[in-house]
């Protein structure tokens, strides 16, 4: 187990802030919910319309996610994206899921940010400028990924 990942829990983690929202121990501004997911405002949204989508079941990160829960979360993210567009008319949208502390995950309960974007909104670029990459290194990456997916 990596040092930046807490231990996996099957349903709820008593110390998890998002599990506290799911079971009513912590307040939250819930936008909508399904049997498997919650969509709610983060404590400090970057813009009006910024929402989080999380599974009700405690899932640490994307590597802890099963296909059924992934489908439920994906459907809720799509529903949230359409609602953000209808309610706030953004010029663009970021859908962000971070797994692991090095990727800026700070709450270790899987969640997806749906963030409306506007020209000049002050949010940083998410991707660095491209750098030249060695073609042999790219080919090796493809070989390794294909093998891992088989």
N, C-alpha and C. Protein backbone atom coordinates (compact mmCIF):
# COMPACT_ATOMS: atom_id res chain seq x y z
N UNK A 1 0.85 -1.18 0.00
CA UNK A 1 0.00 0.00 0.00
C UNK A 1 0.89 1.24 0.00
N UNK A 2 0.64 2.19 -0.91
CA UNK A 2 1.42 3.42 -0.97
C UNK A 2 1.15 4.28 0.25
N UNK A 3 2.13 5.08 0.63
CA UNK A 3 1.99 5.94 1.81
C UNK A 3 0.94 7.03 1.62
N UNK A 4 0.68 7.44 0.37
CA UNK A 4 -0.29 8.52 0.13
C UNK A 4 -1.71 8.01 -0.01
N UNK A 5 -1.94 6.72 0.18
CA UNK A 5 -3.29 6.16 0.07
C UNK A 5 -3.71 5.53 1.38
N UNK A 6 -4.84 5.94 1.92
CA UNK A 6 -5.35 5.27 3.12
C UNK A 6 -5.81 3.86 2.79
N UNK A 7 -6.02 3.09 3.82
CA UNK A 7 -6.51 1.73 3.64
C UNK A 7 -7.92 1.76 3.04
N UNK A 8 -8.24 0.75 2.24
CA UNK A 8 -9.55 0.64 1.61
C UNK A 8 -10.61 0.24 2.65
N UNK A 9 -11.76 0.85 2.54
CA UNK A 9 -12.91 0.46 3.37
C UNK A 9 -14.01 0.00 2.44
N UNK A 10 -14.82 -0.96 2.89
CA UNK A 10 -15.84 -1.51 2.01
C UNK A 10 -17.04 -0.60 1.81
N UNK A 11 -17.50 0.08 2.86
CA UNK A 11 -18.70 0.89 2.69
C UNK A 11 -18.47 2.33 3.14
N UNK A 12 -18.15 2.54 4.40
CA UNK A 12 -17.94 3.88 4.91
C UNK A 12 -16.68 3.91 5.76
N UNK A 13 -16.07 5.07 5.79
CA UNK A 13 -14.90 5.29 6.62
C UNK A 13 -15.29 6.37 7.62
N UNK A 14 -15.27 6.06 8.90
CA UNK A 14 -15.72 6.99 9.94
C UNK A 14 -14.93 8.29 9.94
N UNK A 15 -13.70 8.28 9.46
CA UNK A 15 -12.86 9.48 9.45
C UNK A 15 -12.96 10.26 8.13
N UNK A 16 -13.71 9.76 7.18
CA UNK A 16 -13.78 10.39 5.85
C UNK A 16 -14.85 11.48 5.83
N UNK A 17 -14.44 12.68 5.40
CA UNK A 17 -15.37 13.82 5.33
C UNK A 17 -16.55 13.53 4.41
N UNK A 18 -16.30 12.89 3.27
CA UNK A 18 -17.39 12.64 2.33
C UNK A 18 -18.30 11.53 2.81
N UNK A 19 -17.77 10.53 3.51
CA UNK A 19 -18.65 9.52 4.12
C UNK A 19 -19.53 10.19 5.17
N UNK A 20 -19.00 11.20 5.85
CA UNK A 20 -19.79 11.97 6.82
C UNK A 20 -20.94 12.70 6.16
N UNK A 21 -20.73 13.18 4.93
CA UNK A 21 -21.81 13.82 4.19
C UNK A 21 -22.84 12.76 3.78
N UNK A 22 -22.35 11.62 3.29
CA UNK A 22 -23.25 10.55 2.85
C UNK A 22 -24.16 10.11 3.99
N UNK A 23 -23.59 9.93 5.19
CA UNK A 23 -24.43 9.41 6.29
C UNK A 23 -25.04 10.50 7.17
N UNK A 24 -24.90 11.77 6.76
CA UNK A 24 -25.57 12.86 7.47
C UNK A 24 -24.83 13.42 8.67
N UNK A 25 -23.62 12.96 8.95
CA UNK A 25 -22.86 13.48 10.09
C UNK A 25 -22.27 14.86 9.79
N UNK A 26 -22.09 15.18 8.52
CA UNK A 26 -21.52 16.47 8.13
C UNK A 26 -22.48 17.19 7.20
N UNK A 27 -22.63 18.49 7.37
CA UNK A 27 -23.53 19.23 6.49
C UNK A 27 -22.92 19.42 5.10
N UNK A 28 -23.77 19.55 4.12
CA UNK A 28 -23.33 19.83 2.75
C UNK A 28 -24.50 20.41 1.97
N UNK A 29 -24.16 21.15 0.94
CA UNK A 29 -25.18 21.67 0.04
C UNK A 29 -25.37 20.63 -1.08
N UNK A 30 -26.30 19.72 -0.86
CA UNK A 30 -26.57 18.65 -1.82
C UNK A 30 -27.37 19.22 -2.99
N UNK A 31 -26.89 18.95 -4.19
CA UNK A 31 -27.60 19.37 -5.40
C UNK A 31 -28.57 18.29 -5.82
N UNK A 32 -28.09 17.06 -5.87
CA UNK A 32 -28.95 15.92 -6.22
C UNK A 32 -28.28 14.65 -5.73
N UNK A 33 -29.06 13.59 -5.69
CA UNK A 33 -28.51 12.31 -5.25
C UNK A 33 -29.21 11.19 -5.98
N UNK A 34 -28.50 10.07 -6.07
CA UNK A 34 -29.08 8.85 -6.60
C UNK A 34 -28.84 7.77 -5.54
N UNK A 35 -29.25 6.57 -5.82
CA UNK A 35 -29.00 5.47 -4.88
C UNK A 35 -27.50 5.24 -4.68
N UNK A 36 -26.68 5.59 -5.68
CA UNK A 36 -25.25 5.30 -5.63
C UNK A 36 -24.35 6.52 -5.53
N UNK A 37 -24.86 7.74 -5.76
CA UNK A 37 -24.01 8.93 -5.83
C UNK A 37 -24.63 10.13 -5.13
N UNK A 38 -23.77 11.07 -4.80
CA UNK A 38 -24.18 12.40 -4.33
C UNK A 38 -23.51 13.44 -5.21
N UNK A 39 -24.22 14.49 -5.52
CA UNK A 39 -23.66 15.65 -6.20
C UNK A 39 -23.87 16.83 -5.26
N UNK A 40 -22.78 17.50 -4.90
CA UNK A 40 -22.86 18.56 -3.90
C UNK A 40 -21.81 19.63 -4.16
N UNK A 41 -22.00 20.78 -3.50
CA UNK A 41 -21.03 21.87 -3.64
C UNK A 41 -19.82 21.60 -2.76
N UNK A 42 -18.61 21.91 -3.28
CA UNK A 42 -17.45 21.85 -2.40
C UNK A 42 -17.52 22.99 -1.38
N UNK A 43 -16.73 22.88 -0.32
CA UNK A 43 -16.73 23.94 0.70
C UNK A 43 -16.32 25.28 0.10
N UNK A 44 -15.36 25.26 -0.81
CA UNK A 44 -14.86 26.49 -1.45
C UNK A 44 -14.90 26.34 -2.96
N UNK A 45 -16.08 26.48 -3.57
CA UNK A 45 -16.14 26.33 -5.03
C UNK A 45 -15.34 27.43 -5.73
N UNK A 46 -14.73 27.09 -6.87
CA UNK A 46 -13.95 28.09 -7.60
C UNK A 46 -14.84 29.06 -8.37
N UNK A 47 -16.03 28.62 -8.74
CA UNK A 47 -17.02 29.44 -9.44
C UNK A 47 -18.41 28.94 -9.04
N UNK A 48 -19.43 29.77 -9.14
CA UNK A 48 -20.79 29.25 -9.00
C UNK A 48 -21.00 28.14 -10.04
N UNK A 49 -21.56 27.05 -9.62
CA UNK A 49 -21.77 25.92 -10.51
C UNK A 49 -20.74 24.81 -10.33
N UNK A 50 -19.65 25.07 -9.64
CA UNK A 50 -18.64 24.04 -9.36
C UNK A 50 -19.26 23.03 -8.41
N UNK A 51 -19.35 21.77 -8.84
CA UNK A 51 -19.92 20.71 -8.01
C UNK A 51 -18.96 19.53 -7.94
N UNK A 52 -19.18 18.70 -6.93
CA UNK A 52 -18.47 17.44 -6.78
C UNK A 52 -19.46 16.30 -6.94
N UNK A 53 -19.03 15.25 -7.59
CA UNK A 53 -19.81 14.03 -7.70
C UNK A 53 -19.00 12.94 -7.01
N UNK A 54 -19.62 12.24 -6.06
CA UNK A 54 -18.93 11.20 -5.31
C UNK A 54 -19.84 9.98 -5.15
N UNK A 55 -19.25 8.81 -5.13
CA UNK A 55 -20.06 7.64 -4.82
C UNK A 55 -20.45 7.64 -3.35
N UNK A 56 -21.59 7.08 -3.03
CA UNK A 56 -22.00 6.96 -1.63
C UNK A 56 -21.08 5.98 -0.90
N UNK A 57 -20.70 4.91 -1.56
CA UNK A 57 -19.80 3.91 -0.98
C UNK A 57 -18.39 4.49 -0.91
N UNK A 58 -17.69 4.22 0.15
CA UNK A 58 -16.32 4.72 0.29
C UNK A 58 -15.42 4.03 -0.73
N UNK A 59 -14.92 4.80 -1.65
CA UNK A 59 -13.98 4.38 -2.67
C UNK A 59 -12.81 5.34 -2.55
N UNK A 60 -11.63 4.84 -2.30
CA UNK A 60 -10.47 5.71 -2.04
C UNK A 60 -10.09 6.53 -3.26
N UNK A 61 -9.91 5.86 -4.40
CA UNK A 61 -9.45 6.53 -5.61
C UNK A 61 -9.83 5.69 -6.82
N UNK A 62 -9.37 6.08 -8.00
CA UNK A 62 -9.80 5.40 -9.22
C UNK A 62 -9.36 3.94 -9.25
N UNK A 63 -8.26 3.61 -8.58
CA UNK A 63 -7.78 2.22 -8.56
C UNK A 63 -8.62 1.35 -7.64
N UNK A 64 -9.43 1.96 -6.82
CA UNK A 64 -10.32 1.25 -5.88
C UNK A 64 -11.74 1.15 -6.44
N UNK A 65 -11.95 1.66 -7.64
CA UNK A 65 -13.27 1.81 -8.23
C UNK A 65 -13.66 0.57 -9.04
N UNK A 66 -14.87 0.06 -8.83
CA UNK A 66 -15.37 -1.06 -9.63
C UNK A 66 -16.21 -0.52 -10.79
N UNK A 67 -16.48 -1.37 -11.75
CA UNK A 67 -17.19 -0.95 -12.97
C UNK A 67 -18.60 -0.44 -12.73
N UNK A 68 -19.32 -1.07 -11.83
CA UNK A 68 -20.69 -0.65 -11.55
C UNK A 68 -20.73 0.74 -10.94
N UNK A 69 -19.86 0.97 -9.96
CA UNK A 69 -19.80 2.29 -9.33
C UNK A 69 -19.29 3.33 -10.32
N UNK A 70 -18.33 2.95 -11.15
CA UNK A 70 -17.81 3.86 -12.18
C UNK A 70 -18.93 4.30 -13.12
N UNK A 71 -19.79 3.38 -13.51
CA UNK A 71 -20.91 3.72 -14.40
C UNK A 71 -21.87 4.69 -13.71
N UNK A 72 -22.14 4.47 -12.43
CA UNK A 72 -23.03 5.37 -11.69
C UNK A 72 -22.42 6.76 -11.56
N UNK A 73 -21.14 6.82 -11.23
CA UNK A 73 -20.46 8.11 -11.10
C UNK A 73 -20.41 8.81 -12.46
N UNK A 74 -20.09 8.06 -13.51
CA UNK A 74 -20.05 8.66 -14.85
C UNK A 74 -21.38 9.25 -15.27
N UNK A 75 -22.45 8.54 -15.01
CA UNK A 75 -23.79 9.06 -15.36
C UNK A 75 -24.10 10.32 -14.55
N UNK A 76 -23.72 10.33 -13.27
CA UNK A 76 -23.97 11.51 -12.44
C UNK A 76 -23.13 12.70 -12.89
N UNK A 77 -21.90 12.44 -13.33
CA UNK A 77 -21.04 13.52 -13.86
C UNK A 77 -21.65 14.11 -15.12
N UNK A 78 -22.13 13.27 -16.00
CA UNK A 78 -22.76 13.76 -17.23
C UNK A 78 -24.00 14.59 -16.91
N UNK A 79 -24.81 14.12 -15.98
CA UNK A 79 -26.00 14.88 -15.56
C UNK A 79 -25.60 16.23 -14.96
N UNK A 80 -24.55 16.23 -14.13
CA UNK A 80 -24.07 17.48 -13.53
C UNK A 80 -23.54 18.43 -14.60
N UNK A 81 -22.81 17.91 -15.57
CA UNK A 81 -22.27 18.77 -16.64
C UNK A 81 -23.40 19.47 -17.40
N UNK A 82 -24.45 18.73 -17.70
CA UNK A 82 -25.58 19.35 -18.41
C UNK A 82 -26.30 20.37 -17.52
N UNK A 83 -26.42 20.08 -16.24
CA UNK A 83 -27.06 21.02 -15.32
C UNK A 83 -26.23 22.29 -15.17
N UNK A 84 -24.91 22.15 -15.06
CA UNK A 84 -24.03 23.33 -14.97
C UNK A 84 -24.18 24.19 -16.22
N UNK A 85 -24.22 23.54 -17.37
CA UNK A 85 -24.37 24.29 -18.62
C UNK A 85 -25.70 25.03 -18.66
N UNK A 86 -26.77 24.36 -18.28
CA UNK A 86 -28.10 24.98 -18.32
C UNK A 86 -28.22 26.11 -17.30
N UNK A 87 -27.66 25.92 -16.12
CA UNK A 87 -27.84 26.89 -15.03
C UNK A 87 -26.88 28.06 -15.10
N UNK A 88 -25.65 27.84 -15.59
CA UNK A 88 -24.61 28.88 -15.50
C UNK A 88 -24.03 29.32 -16.85
N UNK A 89 -24.35 28.64 -17.92
CA UNK A 89 -23.90 29.00 -19.27
C UNK A 89 -22.39 29.27 -19.35
N UNK A 90 -21.54 28.33 -18.89
CA UNK A 90 -20.10 28.54 -18.98
C UNK A 90 -19.63 28.47 -20.43
N UNK A 91 -18.45 29.02 -20.67
CA UNK A 91 -17.84 28.95 -22.00
C UNK A 91 -17.13 27.62 -22.22
N UNK A 92 -16.83 26.94 -21.13
CA UNK A 92 -16.16 25.64 -21.18
C UNK A 92 -16.38 24.92 -19.87
N UNK A 93 -15.79 23.76 -19.73
CA UNK A 93 -16.00 22.95 -18.54
C UNK A 93 -14.79 22.05 -18.33
N UNK A 94 -14.34 21.95 -17.09
CA UNK A 94 -13.34 20.95 -16.73
C UNK A 94 -14.02 19.87 -15.90
N UNK A 95 -13.69 18.63 -16.20
CA UNK A 95 -14.09 17.48 -15.40
C UNK A 95 -12.79 16.90 -14.88
N UNK A 96 -12.59 16.97 -13.56
CA UNK A 96 -11.29 16.65 -12.97
C UNK A 96 -11.47 15.58 -11.89
N UNK A 97 -10.68 14.52 -12.00
CA UNK A 97 -10.63 13.50 -10.95
C UNK A 97 -9.16 13.28 -10.65
N UNK A 98 -8.76 13.51 -9.42
CA UNK A 98 -7.37 13.35 -9.01
C UNK A 98 -7.24 12.14 -8.10
N UNK A 99 -6.27 11.28 -8.38
CA UNK A 99 -6.02 10.11 -7.55
C UNK A 99 -4.60 10.15 -7.02
N UNK A 100 -4.47 10.18 -5.70
CA UNK A 100 -3.17 10.22 -5.06
C UNK A 100 -2.77 11.64 -4.68
N UNK A 101 -2.03 11.74 -3.59
CA UNK A 101 -1.61 13.06 -3.09
C UNK A 101 -0.78 13.81 -4.12
N UNK A 102 0.09 13.12 -4.85
CA UNK A 102 0.94 13.79 -5.84
C UNK A 102 0.09 14.41 -6.97
N UNK A 103 -1.12 13.90 -7.17
CA UNK A 103 -2.03 14.44 -8.18
C UNK A 103 -3.02 15.42 -7.57
N UNK A 104 -2.75 15.88 -6.37
CA UNK A 104 -3.53 16.88 -5.61
C UNK A 104 -4.81 16.34 -4.98
N UNK A 105 -4.95 15.02 -4.85
CA UNK A 105 -6.10 14.49 -4.12
C UNK A 105 -5.91 14.83 -2.65
N UNK A 106 -6.88 15.51 -2.06
CA UNK A 106 -6.77 15.89 -0.65
C UNK A 106 -7.83 15.20 0.22
N UNK A 107 -8.93 14.76 -0.37
CA UNK A 107 -9.93 13.97 0.33
C UNK A 107 -9.88 12.59 -0.30
N UNK A 108 -9.54 11.58 0.49
CA UNK A 108 -9.33 10.25 -0.06
C UNK A 108 -10.62 9.44 -0.09
N UNK A 109 -11.59 10.03 -0.76
CA UNK A 109 -12.87 9.41 -1.13
C UNK A 109 -13.06 9.88 -2.56
N UNK A 110 -13.06 8.96 -3.49
CA UNK A 110 -13.12 9.34 -4.91
C UNK A 110 -14.20 10.39 -5.15
N UNK A 111 -13.85 11.41 -5.91
CA UNK A 111 -14.82 12.43 -6.29
C UNK A 111 -14.37 13.07 -7.59
N UNK A 112 -15.32 13.60 -8.30
CA UNK A 112 -15.07 14.24 -9.59
C UNK A 112 -15.55 15.68 -9.49
N UNK A 113 -14.65 16.61 -9.83
CA UNK A 113 -15.00 18.03 -9.89
C UNK A 113 -15.59 18.33 -11.26
N UNK A 114 -16.70 19.00 -11.29
CA UNK A 114 -17.29 19.53 -12.51
C UNK A 114 -17.21 21.04 -12.36
N UNK A 115 -16.33 21.66 -13.16
CA UNK A 115 -15.99 23.07 -12.95
C UNK A 115 -16.31 23.89 -14.20
N UNK A 116 -17.26 24.81 -14.10
CA UNK A 116 -17.52 25.70 -15.23
C UNK A 116 -16.32 26.62 -15.46
N UNK A 117 -16.03 26.91 -16.72
CA UNK A 117 -14.89 27.76 -17.05
C UNK A 117 -15.34 28.93 -17.92
N UNK A 118 -14.64 30.05 -17.70
CA UNK A 118 -14.94 31.29 -18.41
C UNK A 118 -13.62 31.92 -18.83
N UNK A 119 -13.62 32.60 -19.95
CA UNK A 119 -12.43 33.32 -20.40
C UNK A 119 -11.98 34.28 -19.30
N UNK A 120 -10.70 34.23 -18.95
CA UNK A 120 -10.15 35.12 -17.93
C UNK A 120 -10.60 34.80 -16.52
N UNK A 121 -11.02 33.56 -16.23
CA UNK A 121 -11.55 33.23 -14.91
C UNK A 121 -10.50 33.08 -13.82
N UNK A 122 -9.24 33.19 -14.18
CA UNK A 122 -8.19 33.14 -13.17
C UNK A 122 -7.73 31.74 -12.81
N UNK A 123 -8.36 30.72 -13.35
CA UNK A 123 -7.91 29.36 -13.07
C UNK A 123 -6.67 29.06 -13.91
N UNK A 124 -5.72 28.33 -13.34
CA UNK A 124 -4.49 28.03 -14.09
C UNK A 124 -4.74 27.01 -15.19
N UNK A 125 -3.81 26.98 -16.14
CA UNK A 125 -3.84 25.93 -17.17
C UNK A 125 -3.65 24.59 -16.49
N UNK A 126 -4.35 23.59 -16.97
CA UNK A 126 -4.21 22.26 -16.39
C UNK A 126 -3.07 21.47 -17.03
N UNK A 127 -2.69 21.81 -18.23
CA UNK A 127 -1.67 21.07 -18.96
C UNK A 127 -0.46 21.96 -19.23
N UNK A 128 0.73 21.43 -19.05
CA UNK A 128 1.93 22.20 -19.39
C UNK A 128 2.09 22.28 -20.90
N UNK A 129 2.98 23.16 -21.34
CA UNK A 129 3.29 23.21 -22.76
C UNK A 129 3.92 21.89 -23.18
N UNK A 130 3.67 21.46 -24.42
CA UNK A 130 4.23 20.17 -24.87
C UNK A 130 5.76 20.22 -24.89
N UNK A 131 6.35 19.08 -24.62
CA UNK A 131 7.80 18.94 -24.72
C UNK A 131 8.09 17.84 -25.73
N UNK A 132 9.25 17.92 -26.35
CA UNK A 132 9.63 16.89 -27.32
C UNK A 132 9.82 15.57 -26.58
N UNK A 133 9.24 14.51 -27.12
CA UNK A 133 9.33 13.20 -26.50
C UNK A 133 10.01 12.23 -27.45
N UNK A 134 10.85 11.40 -26.92
CA UNK A 134 11.58 10.39 -27.69
C UNK A 134 10.61 9.36 -28.26
N UNK A 135 10.58 9.19 -29.59
CA UNK A 135 9.65 8.22 -30.20
C UNK A 135 9.84 6.80 -29.66
N UNK A 136 11.06 6.39 -29.37
CA UNK A 136 11.29 5.04 -28.83
C UNK A 136 10.65 4.90 -27.44
N UNK A 137 10.72 5.95 -26.67
CA UNK A 137 10.10 5.94 -25.34
C UNK A 137 8.58 5.84 -25.45
N UNK A 138 7.99 6.54 -26.42
CA UNK A 138 6.55 6.46 -26.64
C UNK A 138 6.15 5.06 -27.09
N UNK A 139 6.93 4.47 -28.01
CA UNK A 139 6.63 3.12 -28.48
C UNK A 139 6.71 2.11 -27.33
N UNK A 140 7.70 2.27 -26.45
CA UNK A 140 7.82 1.38 -25.30
C UNK A 140 6.62 1.54 -24.36
N UNK A 141 6.17 2.76 -24.19
CA UNK A 141 4.99 3.01 -23.36
C UNK A 141 3.77 2.30 -23.93
N UNK A 142 3.58 2.39 -25.23
CA UNK A 142 2.45 1.73 -25.89
C UNK A 142 2.54 0.22 -25.68
N UNK A 143 3.72 -0.36 -25.85
CA UNK A 143 3.89 -1.82 -25.64
C UNK A 143 3.52 -2.21 -24.21
N UNK A 144 3.99 -1.44 -23.23
CA UNK A 144 3.72 -1.75 -21.82
C UNK A 144 2.23 -1.61 -21.52
N UNK A 145 1.60 -0.56 -22.03
CA UNK A 145 0.17 -0.35 -21.78
C UNK A 145 -0.67 -1.45 -22.43
N UNK A 146 -0.35 -1.81 -23.66
CA UNK A 146 -1.08 -2.90 -24.31
C UNK A 146 -0.99 -4.18 -23.52
N UNK A 147 0.21 -4.50 -23.04
CA UNK A 147 0.39 -5.72 -22.25
C UNK A 147 -0.43 -5.67 -20.96
N UNK A 148 -0.46 -4.51 -20.33
CA UNK A 148 -1.22 -4.36 -19.07
C UNK A 148 -2.72 -4.46 -19.31
N UNK A 149 -3.19 -4.10 -20.48
CA UNK A 149 -4.63 -4.14 -20.77
C UNK A 149 -5.11 -5.50 -21.23
N UNK A 150 -4.19 -6.40 -21.54
CA UNK A 150 -4.58 -7.75 -22.00
C UNK A 150 -4.99 -8.64 -20.86
